[in-house]
Amino acid sequence: MTYHDANREADTDVSVVLGEDFPELRHAVRRICEKFPGEYWRALDDCSGYPTEFVAALTEAGFLGALIPEAYGGSGLPLRAAAVILEEINASGCSASPAHAQMYIMGTLLRHGSEQQKRSYLPEIAAGRLRLQAFGVTEPNTGSDTTQLKTRAERQGDVYVVNGQKVWTSRALHSDLMLLLARTTPVDQARGRTDGLSVFLVDLREAKGNGIEIRPIKAMINHNTTEVFIENLKVPAANLIGEEGKGFRYILDGMNAERILVASECVGDGRWLLNKGVAYANERQVFGRPIGQNQGIQFPLARAYAELEAADMMCRRAAALFEAGRPCGADANIAKLLASEATWKAADTTFQTLGGFAFAQEYDVERKWREVRIYQTAPISTNMVLAYVAQHVLGLPRSY
């Protein structure tokens, strides 16, 4: 049996909904986004501001608690519904990135936290009284090689004392809680390369200035990203998520959801951009005819549309497998790969279609163009996805 036959056999009892699924949810998201037009986001770009009002509106509507079970004050919706929320936010011209992390970070707490931890934090997160938006994983010298991270947490009685540094920790200055991955067993004492890492829930309200220093990083896009310096931070042992030393597995467990959600954001961005390009191509008159009549304009737009539709189908398939409890690592990674490239194609095509006007901030195309470039780098780079597919799907030798 080939890899292709095996994958097809595994998927035969999983169904995918076509068309505009969750229509009432989509409509509700669009109504909120209408209150936050392009000028709102451009003003935030100018001052590297955080969209506090927008995030509050999403929270009040219950969207950021979509995946939290009803027993803990959330909506208890499936992953596909959360994907639709993020897709529609971006398709409306807004940006889901300032709030999306809460959806997938929460999963680690939900699946691996104690009942006491879940009852203490999840209702507060669902109600918007607490924000869980920061994810402390990446470090300056380890990058994608998470198993080699240097941040160290040592048990001393009822607390862990943490020392280290994180980078590209988005929203740390606008979050109450941070999920932190640290090494509790030195590398040379761990049984395997993925062992000895643990996950902690850090209360940033207490930790800032008391073991944690957060510095903003100026970047091409306004993701409110930071670097986090940790020196003798005391974290209560009660804030350890799950078992000590198994944190890497817990983090991996949430990555499939993260990639499916981000892929759906890509599709939303791509559709917003493509709609801009098509509208301009129909309206713009040059040499006495709309520029959209020229195949040099038509064909790139048509190809961008086709690639977005293909990416959307892969997002739906990955979400369906996730909800069915089936293996979906390959599908989640491929969805993210295809969606990131499709939205970049839509962005670049629309930019070219608008010509000089694409550079003007008032059209918002340059803002979205900058935003969608990140998808090929984060939350997982294109080459890392290709390496995963080569090894785990095609059965080729491990490359790193």
Foldseek 3Di string as FASTA:
>chain_A
DALVVVVVVQQPPFDFDDDDPPVVLLVVLLVLLVVQDLVNVVVCVVVLHQPPVSLVVCLQVQLLLACPDVVLPHNNHALVSNLSSLLSCQLNVHHCLLRSQSNLVVQLCVPFADPVSSNVPSNCCSNVVFFENWEFQADDPQGPVRLPAAWEWEDDPQWTFIFDKGWQGFCLVPGQKYKHKHFHDDCVPAPDSQWRIWIFIDGSVVCDVPFKDWDFDDDLASRRTIMIGGGRGIGGPSRTTHDGGNHSVSVVVSVLSVLLSVLSNLLSNLNNLLVLLVVQQCPDDDPHHRNCVDCVLVVLSVVLVVLSVVLVVLSSSLSSCVVVVHDRPLSSLVSLLSSLVSSLSSLVSSCVSVPPCCPPCVSVSVNSNSVSNCSCPPPHHNVVSVQCCVCVSNVDDRDD
